[in-house]
Protein backbone atom coordinates (compact mmCIF):
# COMPACT_ATOMS: atom_id res chain seq x y z
CA UNK A 1 -8.71 -17.88 22.79
CA UNK A 2 -9.45 -16.07 19.49
CA UNK A 3 -12.88 -15.00 18.55
CA UNK A 4 -12.93 -14.15 14.57
CA UNK A 5 -16.45 -12.20 13.83
CA UNK A 6 -15.98 -11.50 9.30
CA UNK A 7 -18.39 -7.97 8.02
CA UNK A 8 -19.00 -7.17 4.97
CA UNK A 9 -20.28 -3.16 4.06
CA UNK A 10 -21.19 -1.87 0.81
CA UNK A 11 -17.76 0.56 0.56
CA UNK A 12 -15.04 0.65 2.10
CA UNK A 13 -15.63 4.15 4.41
CA UNK A 14 -18.33 2.38 5.54
CA UNK A 15 -16.55 -0.24 6.96
CA UNK A 16 -14.22 1.75 8.89
CA UNK A 17 -16.34 4.24 10.32
CA UNK A 18 -18.45 1.15 11.98
CA UNK A 19 -15.13 -0.01 13.19
CA UNK A 20 -14.75 3.66 14.08
CA UNK A 21 -17.64 3.78 15.94
CA UNK A 22 -18.20 0.48 18.57
CA UNK A 23 -14.01 1.43 18.96
CA UNK A 24 -12.13 -0.51 16.93
CA UNK A 25 -10.03 1.54 15.36
CA UNK A 26 -9.47 5.44 15.63
CA UNK A 27 -8.65 6.62 11.78
CA UNK A 28 -5.65 8.65 11.18
CA UNK A 29 -6.04 11.74 9.13
CA UNK A 30 -3.54 11.55 5.75
CA UNK A 31 -0.79 13.55 7.00
CA UNK A 32 2.07 15.71 5.24
CA UNK A 33 5.37 15.87 6.11
CA UNK A 34 7.98 18.50 4.78
CA UNK A 35 11.22 17.98 5.45
CA UNK A 36 14.03 21.00 4.65
CA UNK A 37 17.04 21.11 2.57
CA UNK A 38 19.70 19.66 3.44
CA UNK A 39 23.18 17.88 3.24
CA UNK A 40 24.85 15.47 4.27
CA UNK A 41 28.79 14.11 4.87
CA UNK A 42 30.52 11.45 6.25
CA UNK A 43 32.98 11.79 8.87
CA UNK A 44 35.41 8.99 10.66
CA UNK A 45 33.32 9.82 14.21
CA UNK A 46 35.43 8.89 17.06
CA UNK A 47 33.04 7.71 19.71
CA UNK A 48 31.73 5.98 17.33
CA UNK A 49 35.26 4.88 16.06
CA UNK A 50 33.59 4.26 12.28
CA UNK A 51 32.88 6.62 9.89
CA UNK A 52 28.76 7.65 10.36
CA UNK A 53 27.22 10.12 7.91
CA UNK A 54 26.17 13.08 8.48
CA UNK A 55 23.50 15.82 7.81
CA UNK A 56 23.04 20.38 8.51
CA UNK A 57 21.25 22.96 6.61
CA UNK A 58 25.27 23.79 5.99
CA UNK A 59 28.34 22.38 4.53
CA UNK A 60 30.93 21.74 7.10
CA UNK A 61 34.52 23.54 5.11
CA UNK A 62 36.51 20.82 3.49
CA UNK A 63 33.93 18.58 3.17
CA UNK A 64 32.56 16.81 0.32
CA UNK A 65 28.73 17.28 0.47
CA UNK A 66 26.06 15.70 -0.91
CA UNK A 67 22.57 18.57 -1.28
CA UNK A 68 19.33 16.63 -0.57
CA UNK A 69 16.26 19.49 -1.71
CA UNK A 70 13.39 20.44 0.19
CA UNK A 71 11.44 18.06 -0.14
CA UNK A 72 7.20 16.20 1.37
CA UNK A 73 6.40 13.36 1.91
CA UNK A 74 2.69 12.53 3.03
CA UNK A 75 1.65 9.82 5.02
CA UNK A 76 -1.96 8.81 3.01
CA UNK A 77 -5.31 8.04 5.63
CA UNK A 78 -4.60 5.18 7.31
CA UNK A 79 -7.02 4.21 11.40
CA UNK A 80 -4.37 1.81 14.14
CA UNK A 81 -6.36 -0.40 16.72
CA UNK A 82 -8.04 0.44 20.09
CA UNK A 83 -8.70 -3.21 21.61
CA UNK A 84 -7.70 -6.55 21.52
CA UNK A 85 -8.37 -7.09 17.72
CA UNK A 86 -6.31 -7.83 14.97
CA UNK A 87 -7.81 -6.15 11.47
CA UNK A 88 -7.20 -7.85 8.20
CA UNK A 89 -7.78 -6.67 4.60
CA UNK A 90 -9.74 -3.96 4.47
CA UNK A 91 -10.77 -4.38 0.74
CA UNK A 92 -13.35 -6.09 -2.12
CA UNK A 93 -12.85 -10.18 -2.52
CA UNK A 94 -12.34 -10.59 -6.64
CA UNK A 95 -14.46 -9.20 -8.09
CA UNK A 96 -17.65 -8.38 -5.70
CA UNK A 97 -19.07 -5.48 -4.45
CA UNK A 98 -18.08 -3.70 -1.38
CA UNK A 99 -15.25 -4.42 1.81
CA UNK A 100 -14.86 -7.49 3.89
CA UNK A 101 -13.02 -7.76 7.33
CA UNK A 102 -12.25 -10.84 9.21
CA UNK A 103 -11.59 -9.07 12.96
CA UNK A 104 -10.24 -11.75 15.47
CA UNK A 105 -10.78 -10.48 19.29
CA UNK A 106 -8.49 -11.88 21.91
CA UNK A 107 -7.37 -11.05 25.30
CA UNK A 108 -9.37 -9.09 27.77
CA UNK A 109 -11.24 -8.13 25.07
CA UNK A 110 -12.33 -12.07 23.48
CA UNK A 111 -12.87 -12.54 27.52
CA UNK A 112 -15.51 -9.96 28.12
CA UNK A 113 -17.44 -11.46 24.69
CA UNK A 114 -17.69 -14.90 25.90
CA UNK A 115 -18.51 -14.32 29.60
CA UNK A 116 -21.49 -15.66 31.21
CA UNK A 117 -21.86 -17.89 27.74
CA UNK A 118 -22.26 -21.05 27.35
CA UNK A 119 -20.42 -22.04 24.13
CA UNK A 120 -20.91 -26.00 23.68
CA UNK A 121 -24.27 -27.20 22.83
CA UNK A 122 -25.49 -30.30 24.60
CA UNK A 123 -23.55 -32.65 22.98
CA UNK A 124 -20.42 -31.01 22.71
CA UNK A 125 -20.06 -28.21 19.73
CA UNK A 126 -18.95 -24.87 19.19
CA UNK A 127 -22.25 -22.68 19.28
CA UNK A 128 -22.93 -19.57 16.47
CA UNK A 129 -21.05 -16.80 16.78
CA UNK A 130 -24.10 -15.01 17.88
CA UNK A 131 -25.37 -17.42 20.17
CA UNK A 132 -22.06 -17.86 21.62
CA UNK A 133 -20.95 -14.06 22.64
CA UNK A 134 -21.77 -11.13 23.19
CA UNK A 135 -20.46 -9.71 19.82
CA UNK A 136 -24.09 -7.61 18.62
CA UNK A 137 -25.30 -6.58 22.17
CA UNK A 138 -21.37 -4.98 22.58
CA UNK A 139 -22.19 -3.08 18.87
CA UNK A 140 -24.75 -1.53 20.76
CA UNK A 141 -23.41 -0.88 23.33
CA UNK A 142 -21.19 1.05 21.96
CA UNK A 143 -22.65 3.03 19.26
CA UNK A 144 -25.63 4.13 22.28
CA UNK A 145 -28.11 2.68 19.39
CA UNK A 146 -30.53 0.07 19.92
CA UNK A 147 -29.94 -1.45 16.46
CA UNK A 148 -32.47 -4.28 14.49
CA UNK A 149 -30.43 -6.36 13.05
CA UNK A 150 -32.34 -8.63 10.06
CA UNK A 151 -31.24 -12.19 9.58
CA UNK A 152 -28.98 -12.39 5.67
CA UNK A 153 -31.33 -14.52 3.78
CA UNK A 154 -29.05 -17.01 1.07
CA UNK A 155 -27.68 -16.64 -0.81
CA UNK A 156 -26.55 -13.90 1.30
CA UNK A 157 -24.14 -16.51 3.75
CA UNK A 158 -26.34 -16.50 7.75
CA UNK A 159 -25.45 -13.66 9.61
CA UNK A 160 -27.22 -9.85 10.70
CA UNK A 161 -27.30 -6.78 9.11
CA UNK A 162 -27.86 -3.36 9.54
CA UNK A 163 -28.27 -1.10 7.18
CA UNK A 164 -26.09 -2.21 4.80
CA UNK A 165 -23.58 -4.10 7.48
CA UNK A 166 -22.54 -6.89 8.09
CA UNK A 167 -21.90 -9.57 10.61
CA UNK A 168 -21.29 -13.38 9.85
CA UNK A 169 -19.13 -15.79 11.20
CA UNK A 170 -17.22 -17.30 8.95
CA UNK A 171 -17.33 -20.54 10.09
CA UNK A 172 -20.38 -20.65 8.21
CA UNK A 173 -18.46 -19.79 5.62
CA UNK A 174 -18.81 -21.52 2.05
CA UNK A 175 -15.82 -20.36 0.56
CA UNK A 176 -13.52 -18.00 2.26
CA UNK A 177 -11.44 -15.64 1.18
CA UNK A 178 -8.38 -13.73 2.04
CA UNK A 179 -8.12 -15.40 5.56
CA UNK A 180 -5.65 -15.91 7.74
CA UNK A 181 -2.37 -16.78 7.29
């Protein structure tokens, strides 16, 4: 079972802060890693039975070596997911303002969101995302804040909004973009 949610925030930072607050991601800061200068050379390795590339702080006598100066690699600020979710695209949609995020809950996380709730109406049609899941309750529980969600109004797709963060049922968005491949 997979449960999809589409979210929108006015900025990338707001989107990341919200996802971190509800326990979906952990922000990893930018990291710089400096690698020391070294020499590399190739030699026959009897254990491997092949020519292998070696490296070290000095060039061994009689070897033809290549010098590699010290260099630094910067790993940009990024996030890692913490629960059974997939996150697709944190960014603007075409020329529109703000940033949107597609989130897929699966496994135990998806099961917890629907626990004890009906999934279909009396006609056998799937209920709206917010009727068939505990998604808004989960946000309140994980943040420790009792959000006062407002219902979005036209021309914004049907959903809920609090403090600039919007949550939508992707099945109700008329022209979705940047959807799962």
